[in-house]
Amino acid sequence: MPFVQIAVTKDGVTREQKQRLILGVTQLLKDVLDKDFHLTHVIISEVEPDNWGLGGEQVTDIRQRQNKS
């Protein structure tokens, strides 16, 4: 019974995109590892950009800087 957890920032991911992620990851596990499609769990966690860091910075600050460019 595979369990996959995906973390994304809270902004900008639509319900349809989440569904595509769930289906795609489930199909990938079926294709690569022959895991039962109906026993694969996919959890999508949405994280506030202030709570996500990359390279020592909050994602919020990185995005603000990129939007000014």
C-alpha atoms as a PDB file:
ATOM      1  CA  MET A   1       0.000   0.000   0.000  1.00  0.00           C
ATOM      2  CA  PRO A   2       2.037   3.000  -1.235  1.00  0.00           C
ATOM      3  CA  PHE A   3       1.721   6.345   0.497  1.00  0.00           C
ATOM      4  CA  VAL A   4       2.918   9.461  -1.342  1.00  0.00           C
ATOM      5  CA  GLN A   5       2.962  12.931   0.162  1.00  0.00           C
ATOM      6  CA  ILE A   6       3.289  15.995  -2.052  1.00  0.00           C
ATOM      7  CA  ALA A   7       3.877  19.449  -0.585  1.00  0.00           C
ATOM      8  CA  VAL A   8       3.069  22.576  -2.583  1.00  0.00           C
ATOM      9  CA  THR A   9       2.687  26.217  -1.677  1.00  0.00           C
ATOM     10  CA  LYS A  10      -0.893  27.180  -0.981  1.00  0.00           C
ATOM     11  CA  ASP A  11      -1.254  29.686  -3.791  1.00  0.00           C
ATOM     12  CA  GLY A  12      -1.865  28.894  -7.414  1.00  0.00           C
ATOM     13  CA  VAL A  13      -2.673  25.164  -7.421  1.00  0.00           C
ATOM     14  CA  THR A  14      -6.149  24.441  -8.723  1.00  0.00           C
ATOM     15  CA  ARG A  15      -8.408  21.547  -7.795  1.00  0.00           C
ATOM     16  CA  GLU A  16      -7.981  20.199 -11.333  1.00  0.00           C
ATOM     17  CA  GLN A  17      -4.181  20.294 -11.057  1.00  0.00           C
ATOM     18  CA  LYS A  18      -4.361  18.425  -7.746  1.00  0.00           C
ATOM     19  CA  GLN A  19      -6.528  15.765  -9.368  1.00  0.00           C
ATOM     20  CA  ARG A  20      -3.987  15.406 -12.182  1.00  0.00           C
ATOM     21  CA  LEU A  21      -1.192  15.008  -9.630  1.00  0.00           C
ATOM     22  CA  ILE A  22      -3.130  12.337  -7.738  1.00  0.00           C
ATOM     23  CA  LEU A  23      -3.952  10.416 -10.899  1.00  0.00           C
ATOM     24  CA  GLY A  24      -0.469  10.801 -12.373  1.00  0.00           C
ATOM     25  CA  VAL A  25       1.389   9.658  -9.258  1.00  0.00           C
ATOM     26  CA  THR A  26      -0.992   6.745  -8.785  1.00  0.00           C
ATOM     27  CA  GLN A  27      -0.518   5.670 -12.414  1.00  0.00           C
ATOM     28  CA  LEU A  28       3.268   6.034 -12.130  1.00  0.00           C
ATOM     29  CA  LEU A  29       3.373   3.688  -9.133  1.00  0.00           C
ATOM     30  CA  LYS A  30       1.210   1.222 -11.043  1.00  0.00           C
ATOM     31  CA  ASP A  31       3.426   1.389 -14.132  1.00  0.00           C
ATOM     32  CA  VAL A  32       6.831   1.340 -12.422  1.00  0.00           C
ATOM     33  CA  LEU A  33       6.257  -0.767  -9.302  1.00  0.00           C
ATOM     34  CA  ASP A  34       3.078  -2.648 -10.283  1.00  0.00           C
ATOM     35  CA  LYS A  35       1.293  -1.300  -7.201  1.00  0.00           C
ATOM     36  CA  ASP A  36      -2.453  -1.724  -6.868  1.00  0.00           C
ATOM     37  CA  PHE A  37      -4.107   1.401  -8.247  1.00  0.00           C
ATOM     38  CA  HIS A  38      -6.885   1.282  -5.641  1.00  0.00           C
ATOM     39  CA  LEU A  39      -4.544   0.932  -2.658  1.00  0.00           C
ATOM     40  CA  THR A  40      -2.287   3.905  -3.441  1.00  0.00           C
ATOM     41  CA  HIS A  41      -2.674   6.890  -1.126  1.00  0.00           C
ATOM     42  CA  VAL A  42      -1.681  10.382  -2.290  1.00  0.00           C
ATOM     43  CA  ILE A  43      -1.772  13.281   0.135  1.00  0.00           C
ATOM     44  CA  ILE A  44      -1.305  16.868  -1.044  1.00  0.00           C
ATOM     45  CA  SER A  45      -0.294  19.287   1.691  1.00  0.00           C
ATOM     46  CA  GLU A  46      -0.617  22.993   1.044  1.00  0.00           C
ATOM     47  CA  VAL A  47       1.935  25.160   2.815  1.00  0.00           C
ATOM     48  CA  GLU A  48       1.799  28.922   3.229  1.00  0.00           C
ATOM     49  CA  PRO A  49       4.670  30.521   1.249  1.00  0.00           C
ATOM     50  CA  ASP A  50       5.907  32.172   4.477  1.00  0.00           C
ATOM     51  CA  ASN A  51       6.372  28.658   5.910  1.00  0.00           C
ATOM     52  CA  TRP A  52       8.475  27.364   2.993  1.00  0.00           C
ATOM     53  CA  GLY A  53      12.149  28.175   2.713  1.00  0.00           C
ATOM     54  CA  LEU A  54      14.585  27.807  -0.154  1.00  0.00           C
ATOM     55  CA  GLY A  55      18.223  28.799  -0.021  1.00  0.00           C
ATOM     56  CA  GLY A  56      17.773  30.447   3.362  1.00  0.00           C
ATOM     57  CA  GLU A  57      14.858  32.636   2.267  1.00  0.00           C
ATOM     58  CA  GLN A  58      11.100  32.468   2.546  1.00  0.00           C
ATOM     59  CA  VAL A  59       9.356  31.700  -0.728  1.00  0.00           C
ATOM     60  CA  THR A  60       7.257  34.843  -0.239  1.00  0.00           C
ATOM     61  CA  ASP A  61      10.384  37.009  -0.417  1.00  0.00           C
ATOM     62  CA  ILE A  62      11.791  35.114  -3.405  1.00  0.00           C
ATOM     63  CA  ARG A  63       8.541  35.566  -5.338  1.00  0.00           C
ATOM     64  CA  GLN A  64       8.291  39.254  -4.478  1.00  0.00           C
ATOM     65  CA  ARG A  65      11.803  39.806  -5.768  1.00  0.00           C
ATOM     66  CA  GLN A  66      11.068  37.843  -8.966  1.00  0.00           C
ATOM     67  CA  ASN A  67       7.887  39.815  -9.609  1.00  0.00           C
ATOM     68  CA  LYS A  68       9.833  43.100  -9.453  1.00  0.00           C
ATOM     69  CA  SER A  69      12.157  41.919 -12.227  1.00  0.00           C
END
